[in-house]
Amino acid sequence: MSSELLFSLGFLLFIVLILALDLLTGYVIEYALSVDNIFVIVLIFSAFAVEEKYYHRVLFWGILGAIIMRFIFIFVGAALIAKFAWILYIFGAFLVFTGIKMFFSKEEEKIDPENHPVVKWASKIFSIHPKYEGKNFFVTINHKRYVTPLFLVLLIVEFTDLLFAVDSIPAIFAVTKDPYIVFFSNIFAIMGLRSMFFLLVNIIHKFHYLKTGLAVLLAFIGVKMLGHTYLEKIGFTTEHSLIVILSILVISIVASLVFPKKVAHK
């Protein structure tokens, strides 16, 4: 009886370790891709001249919206994968394409407040107040309801996260098909996004090779999805994926510090 109990406990521990490794790998992928998200959020805040004291408010509601959107994305995606296994190959091809495109893209990200598609869309639906009204997303003037520029910033942050989710969620499905692991690895990483933002906001520009590293990371995950059957046969496990992912991130960070970006002098 005791030997059966020990075997059961050992087997349970083995399963927990496997699940924990999947969760950790998914978390690392999402956290790494969230860094790229921070690049864009910094640009959004700068383009819309958002005061630093309102960053917390926008990020709080932005993260809450991101959790809801990703919950829908993940469980719909898991249901589709369970029914149509070939969708994994579409995800894989998309990630390879995205990684290659990001790797060769030399253009600096720019945010144009007036011509941003979200601003154009919002202007057709809402009455937009031209000035910030403190921390308010909405303001009433002469019995008329307006949205403030801060609300537009929130919408753009949500839209940006939606675009990033298109990359990050399929990437984690390359590690595990369990929607709960995918969801919680996303949530843990997203909830750390706000703290990470304030930690990295002033130094993130120094890691100029990180974008290249993320491009390689996406391409690697895409290739893994395309060749998952073969990789499983040769014994390529989640541990190997985690080692490759961490190696890519460490190399890109070290390269950024060893070879700092040259500043053009006027």
Protein backbone atom coordinates (compact mmCIF):
# COMPACT_ATOMS: atom_id res chain seq x y z
CA MET A 1 0.00 0.00 0.00
CA SER A 2 2.80 2.39 0.93
CA SER A 3 4.65 1.66 -2.33
CA GLU A 4 1.47 2.40 -4.32
CA LEU A 5 1.04 5.66 -2.42
CA LEU A 6 4.66 6.65 -3.07
CA PHE A 7 4.26 5.81 -6.76
CA SER A 8 1.08 7.93 -6.94
CA LEU A 9 2.76 10.86 -5.19
CA GLY A 10 5.80 10.54 -7.44
CA PHE A 11 3.64 10.45 -10.56
CA LEU A 12 1.67 13.48 -9.32
CA LEU A 13 4.89 15.38 -8.67
CA PHE A 14 6.12 14.49 -12.17
CA ILE A 15 2.90 15.86 -13.73
CA VAL A 16 3.12 19.04 -11.63
CA LEU A 17 6.73 19.60 -12.74
CA ILE A 18 5.76 19.18 -16.41
CA LEU A 19 2.88 21.63 -16.04
CA ALA A 20 5.11 24.06 -14.12
CA LEU A 21 7.71 23.91 -16.89
CA ASP A 22 5.06 24.61 -19.54
CA LEU A 23 3.76 27.51 -17.44
CA LEU A 24 7.27 28.92 -16.96
CA THR A 25 8.10 28.66 -20.67
CA GLY A 26 4.81 30.31 -21.64
CA TYR A 27 5.44 33.02 -19.06
CA VAL A 28 8.94 33.73 -20.40
CA ILE A 29 7.62 33.97 -23.98
CA GLU A 30 4.81 36.33 -23.01
CA TYR A 31 7.05 38.42 -20.75
CA ALA A 32 9.67 38.79 -23.48
CA LEU A 33 7.11 39.84 -26.07
CA SER A 34 5.61 42.27 -23.54
CA VAL A 35 8.91 44.17 -23.62
CA ASP A 36 8.23 44.97 -27.27
CA ASN A 37 4.78 46.12 -26.20
CA ILE A 38 6.44 48.55 -23.77
CA PHE A 39 8.40 50.11 -26.64
CA VAL A 40 5.13 51.00 -28.35
CA ILE A 41 3.34 52.16 -25.17
CA VAL A 42 6.21 54.57 -24.47
CA LEU A 43 5.78 55.98 -27.98
CA ILE A 44 2.00 56.32 -27.48
CA PHE A 45 2.39 58.22 -24.21
CA SER A 46 5.02 60.46 -25.80
CA ALA A 47 3.01 61.15 -28.97
CA PHE A 48 -0.10 62.10 -26.99
CA ALA A 49 1.88 64.08 -24.38
CA VAL A 50 0.40 62.10 -21.48
CA GLU A 51 1.58 63.34 -18.08
CA GLU A 52 3.54 60.71 -16.18
CA LYS A 53 1.16 60.85 -13.20
CA TYR A 54 -1.60 59.37 -15.42
CA TYR A 55 0.46 56.41 -16.68
CA HIS A 56 -0.75 54.21 -13.82
CA ARG A 57 -4.41 54.85 -14.61
CA VAL A 58 -4.10 54.06 -18.32
CA LEU A 59 -2.03 50.94 -17.67
CA PHE A 60 -4.40 49.66 -14.97
CA TRP A 61 -7.47 49.78 -17.23
CA GLY A 62 -5.41 48.71 -20.24
CA ILE A 63 -4.23 45.56 -18.45
CA LEU A 64 -7.76 44.78 -17.26
CA GLY A 65 -9.04 45.02 -20.83
CA ALA A 66 -6.12 42.90 -22.06
CA ILE A 67 -6.99 40.11 -19.60
CA ILE A 68 -10.58 39.99 -20.85
CA MET A 69 -9.56 40.01 -24.53
CA ARG A 70 -6.93 37.33 -24.06
CA PHE A 71 -9.33 35.10 -22.13
CA ILE A 72 -11.62 35.12 -25.18
CA PHE A 73 -8.74 34.68 -27.65
CA ILE A 74 -7.15 31.79 -25.76
CA PHE A 75 -10.22 29.66 -25.15
CA VAL A 76 -11.57 30.21 -28.68
CA GLY A 77 -8.10 29.37 -30.04
CA ALA A 78 -7.87 26.23 -27.89
CA ALA A 79 -11.29 25.06 -29.09
CA LEU A 80 -10.27 25.59 -32.73
CA ILE A 81 -6.96 23.73 -32.26
CA ALA A 82 -8.76 20.82 -30.58
CA LYS A 83 -11.13 20.58 -33.55
CA PHE A 84 -8.76 21.50 -36.39
CA ALA A 85 -5.18 20.44 -35.58
CA TRP A 86 -3.92 21.90 -38.88
CA ILE A 87 -4.48 25.41 -37.48
CA LEU A 88 -1.14 24.97 -35.66
CA TYR A 89 0.61 25.02 -39.04
CA ILE A 90 -1.12 28.29 -39.93
CA PHE A 91 -0.02 29.77 -36.59
CA GLY A 92 3.51 28.52 -37.21
CA ALA A 93 3.73 29.98 -40.71
CA PHE A 94 2.34 33.28 -39.44
CA LEU A 95 4.94 33.48 -36.65
CA VAL A 96 7.80 32.70 -39.05
CA PHE A 97 6.53 35.41 -41.41
CA THR A 98 6.16 37.91 -38.54
CA GLY A 99 9.63 37.10 -37.22
CA ILE A 100 11.29 37.54 -40.63
CA LYS A 101 9.38 40.77 -41.25
CA MET A 102 10.40 42.15 -37.83
CA PHE A 103 14.03 41.09 -38.34
CA PHE A 104 14.41 42.95 -41.63
CA SER A 105 12.30 45.96 -40.65
CA LYS A 106 14.57 48.99 -40.28
CA GLU A 107 11.84 51.60 -39.87
CA GLU A 108 11.46 53.29 -36.49
CA GLU A 109 8.03 52.95 -34.92
CA LYS A 110 6.05 56.19 -35.15
CA ILE A 111 2.72 57.21 -33.68
CA ASP A 112 0.71 59.89 -35.48
CA PRO A 113 -2.06 61.02 -33.08
CA GLU A 114 -4.23 62.65 -35.73
CA ASN A 115 -4.03 59.90 -38.34
CA HIS A 116 -4.04 56.85 -36.08
CA PRO A 117 -6.82 54.45 -37.21
CA VAL A 118 -8.17 54.16 -33.64
CA VAL A 119 -8.49 57.95 -33.37
CA LYS A 120 -10.27 58.10 -36.74
CA TRP A 121 -12.63 55.32 -35.68
CA ALA A 122 -13.31 56.90 -32.28
CA SER A 123 -14.03 60.31 -33.82
CA LYS A 124 -16.88 58.74 -35.80
CA ILE A 125 -18.48 57.27 -32.68
CA PHE A 126 -17.65 59.68 -29.84
CA SER A 127 -17.56 63.42 -29.34
CA ILE A 128 -13.91 64.11 -28.55
CA HIS A 129 -12.85 66.86 -26.16
CA PRO A 130 -9.64 68.53 -27.41
CA LYS A 131 -7.99 68.88 -23.98
CA TYR A 132 -7.05 66.61 -21.11
CA GLU A 133 -9.29 66.87 -18.07
CA GLY A 134 -7.03 65.48 -15.37
CA LYS A 135 -7.38 61.73 -14.93
CA ASN A 136 -10.87 61.63 -16.45
CA PHE A 137 -11.70 59.48 -19.46
CA PHE A 138 -15.03 61.27 -19.90
CA VAL A 139 -16.24 64.80 -19.29
CA THR A 140 -19.67 66.46 -19.49
CA ILE A 141 -19.88 70.00 -20.85
CA ASN A 142 -23.22 71.77 -21.34
CA HIS A 143 -25.05 68.46 -20.83
CA LYS A 144 -23.01 66.83 -23.60
CA ARG A 145 -20.77 63.82 -22.96
CA TYR A 146 -17.23 63.86 -24.40
CA VAL A 147 -14.32 61.44 -24.31
CA THR A 148 -10.97 62.95 -23.40
CA PRO A 149 -7.62 62.39 -25.13
CA LEU A 150 -6.72 60.11 -22.19
CA PHE A 151 -9.53 57.76 -23.23
CA LEU A 152 -8.17 57.74 -26.79
CA VAL A 153 -4.78 56.76 -25.39
CA LEU A 154 -6.44 53.90 -23.49
CA LEU A 155 -8.16 52.70 -26.68
CA ILE A 156 -4.87 52.78 -28.59
CA VAL A 157 -3.09 50.85 -25.81
CA GLU A 158 -5.87 48.21 -25.96
CA PHE A 159 -5.63 48.06 -29.76
CA THR A 160 -1.85 47.67 -29.54
CA ASP A 161 -2.18 44.82 -27.04
CA LEU A 162 -4.69 43.16 -29.35
CA LEU A 163 -2.11 43.22 -32.16
CA PHE A 164 0.59 41.81 -29.87
CA ALA A 165 -1.77 39.07 -28.67
CA VAL A 166 -2.02 37.84 -32.27
CA ASP A 167 1.70 36.96 -31.99
CA SER A 168 2.08 35.98 -28.36
CA ILE A 169 -0.90 33.66 -27.90
CA PRO A 170 -0.08 31.36 -30.87
CA ALA A 171 3.53 31.37 -29.63
CA ILE A 172 2.51 29.88 -26.27
CA PHE A 173 0.32 27.29 -28.01
CA ALA A 174 3.62 26.02 -29.44
CA VAL A 175 4.54 25.01 -25.88
CA THR A 176 1.23 23.61 -24.65
CA LYS A 177 -2.32 23.09 -25.90
CA ASP A 178 -3.75 23.45 -22.38
CA PRO A 179 -5.79 26.71 -22.45
CA TYR A 180 -5.49 27.17 -18.68
CA ILE A 181 -1.68 27.12 -18.80
CA VAL A 182 -1.73 29.49 -21.80
CA PHE A 183 -4.16 31.81 -20.01
CA PHE A 184 -2.37 31.93 -16.66
CA SER A 185 1.08 32.34 -18.23
CA ASN A 186 -0.41 35.31 -20.12
CA ILE A 187 -2.04 36.75 -17.00
CA PHE A 188 1.09 36.46 -14.83
CA ALA A 189 3.16 38.20 -17.51
CA ILE A 190 0.57 40.91 -18.21
CA MET A 191 0.10 41.68 -14.51
CA GLY A 192 3.84 42.26 -14.29
CA LEU A 193 3.71 44.55 -17.32
CA ARG A 194 2.81 47.68 -15.33
CA SER A 195 5.67 47.22 -12.86
CA MET A 196 8.05 46.34 -15.69
CA PHE A 197 6.94 49.46 -17.60
CA PHE A 198 8.03 51.82 -14.82
CA LEU A 199 11.25 49.86 -14.37
CA LEU A 200 12.21 49.94 -18.06
CA VAL A 201 10.63 53.15 -19.37
CA ASN A 202 13.84 55.18 -19.01
CA ILE A 203 16.34 52.51 -20.06
CA ILE A 204 14.50 50.42 -22.65
CA HIS A 205 16.06 52.38 -25.53
CA LYS A 206 19.45 50.93 -24.54
CA PHE A 207 18.37 47.39 -25.47
CA HIS A 208 18.28 48.08 -29.21
CA TYR A 209 19.07 44.47 -30.17
CA LEU A 210 16.12 43.16 -28.17
CA LYS A 211 13.76 43.69 -31.11
CA THR A 212 16.07 41.58 -33.28
CA GLY A 213 16.11 38.93 -30.56
CA LEU A 214 12.32 38.90 -30.40
CA ALA A 215 12.18 38.50 -34.19
CA VAL A 216 14.43 35.43 -33.95
CA LEU A 217 12.33 34.18 -31.02
CA LEU A 218 9.09 34.40 -33.03
CA ALA A 219 10.69 32.69 -36.03
CA PHE A 220 12.04 29.89 -33.80
CA ILE A 221 8.63 29.30 -32.22
CA GLY A 222 7.02 29.32 -35.67
CA VAL A 223 9.49 26.71 -36.96
CA LYS A 224 8.84 24.65 -33.82
CA MET A 225 5.10 24.69 -34.55
CA LEU A 226 5.62 23.73 -38.19
CA GLY A 227 7.94 20.86 -37.29
CA HIS A 228 6.44 19.82 -33.95
CA THR A 229 5.82 16.21 -35.08
CA TYR A 230 9.45 15.68 -36.11
CA LEU A 231 10.81 17.51 -33.05
CA GLU A 232 8.77 15.29 -30.73
CA LYS A 233 10.20 12.19 -32.45
CA ILE A 234 13.81 13.30 -31.89
CA GLY A 235 13.11 14.18 -28.25
CA PHE A 236 13.03 17.99 -28.45
CA THR A 237 11.18 18.88 -25.25
CA THR A 238 9.85 21.98 -23.47
CA GLU A 239 13.15 22.16 -21.56
CA HIS A 240 15.03 22.54 -24.84
CA SER A 241 12.61 25.24 -25.99
CA LEU A 242 13.09 27.15 -22.74
CA ILE A 243 16.89 26.96 -23.08
CA VAL A 244 16.73 28.28 -26.67
CA ILE A 245 14.32 31.09 -25.72
CA LEU A 246 16.40 32.22 -22.73
CA SER A 247 19.59 32.04 -24.82
CA ILE A 248 18.08 34.28 -27.51
CA LEU A 249 16.99 36.85 -24.91
CA VAL A 250 20.30 36.84 -23.03
CA ILE A 251 22.34 37.18 -26.24
CA SER A 252 20.21 40.11 -27.47
CA ILE A 253 20.48 41.91 -24.09
CA VAL A 254 24.25 41.33 -23.79
CA ALA A 255 24.79 42.41 -27.42
CA SER A 256 22.89 45.64 -26.70
CA LEU A 257 25.17 46.41 -23.75
CA VAL A 258 28.42 45.38 -25.44
CA PHE A 259 27.60 47.17 -28.71
CA PRO A 260 25.61 50.28 -27.67
CA LYS A 261 23.62 52.13 -30.27
CA LYS A 262 25.54 54.96 -31.89
CA VAL A 263 23.95 58.36 -31.35
CA ALA A 264 24.03 60.60 -34.40
CA HIS A 265 25.65 63.94 -33.55
CA LYS A 266 24.40 67.04 -35.26
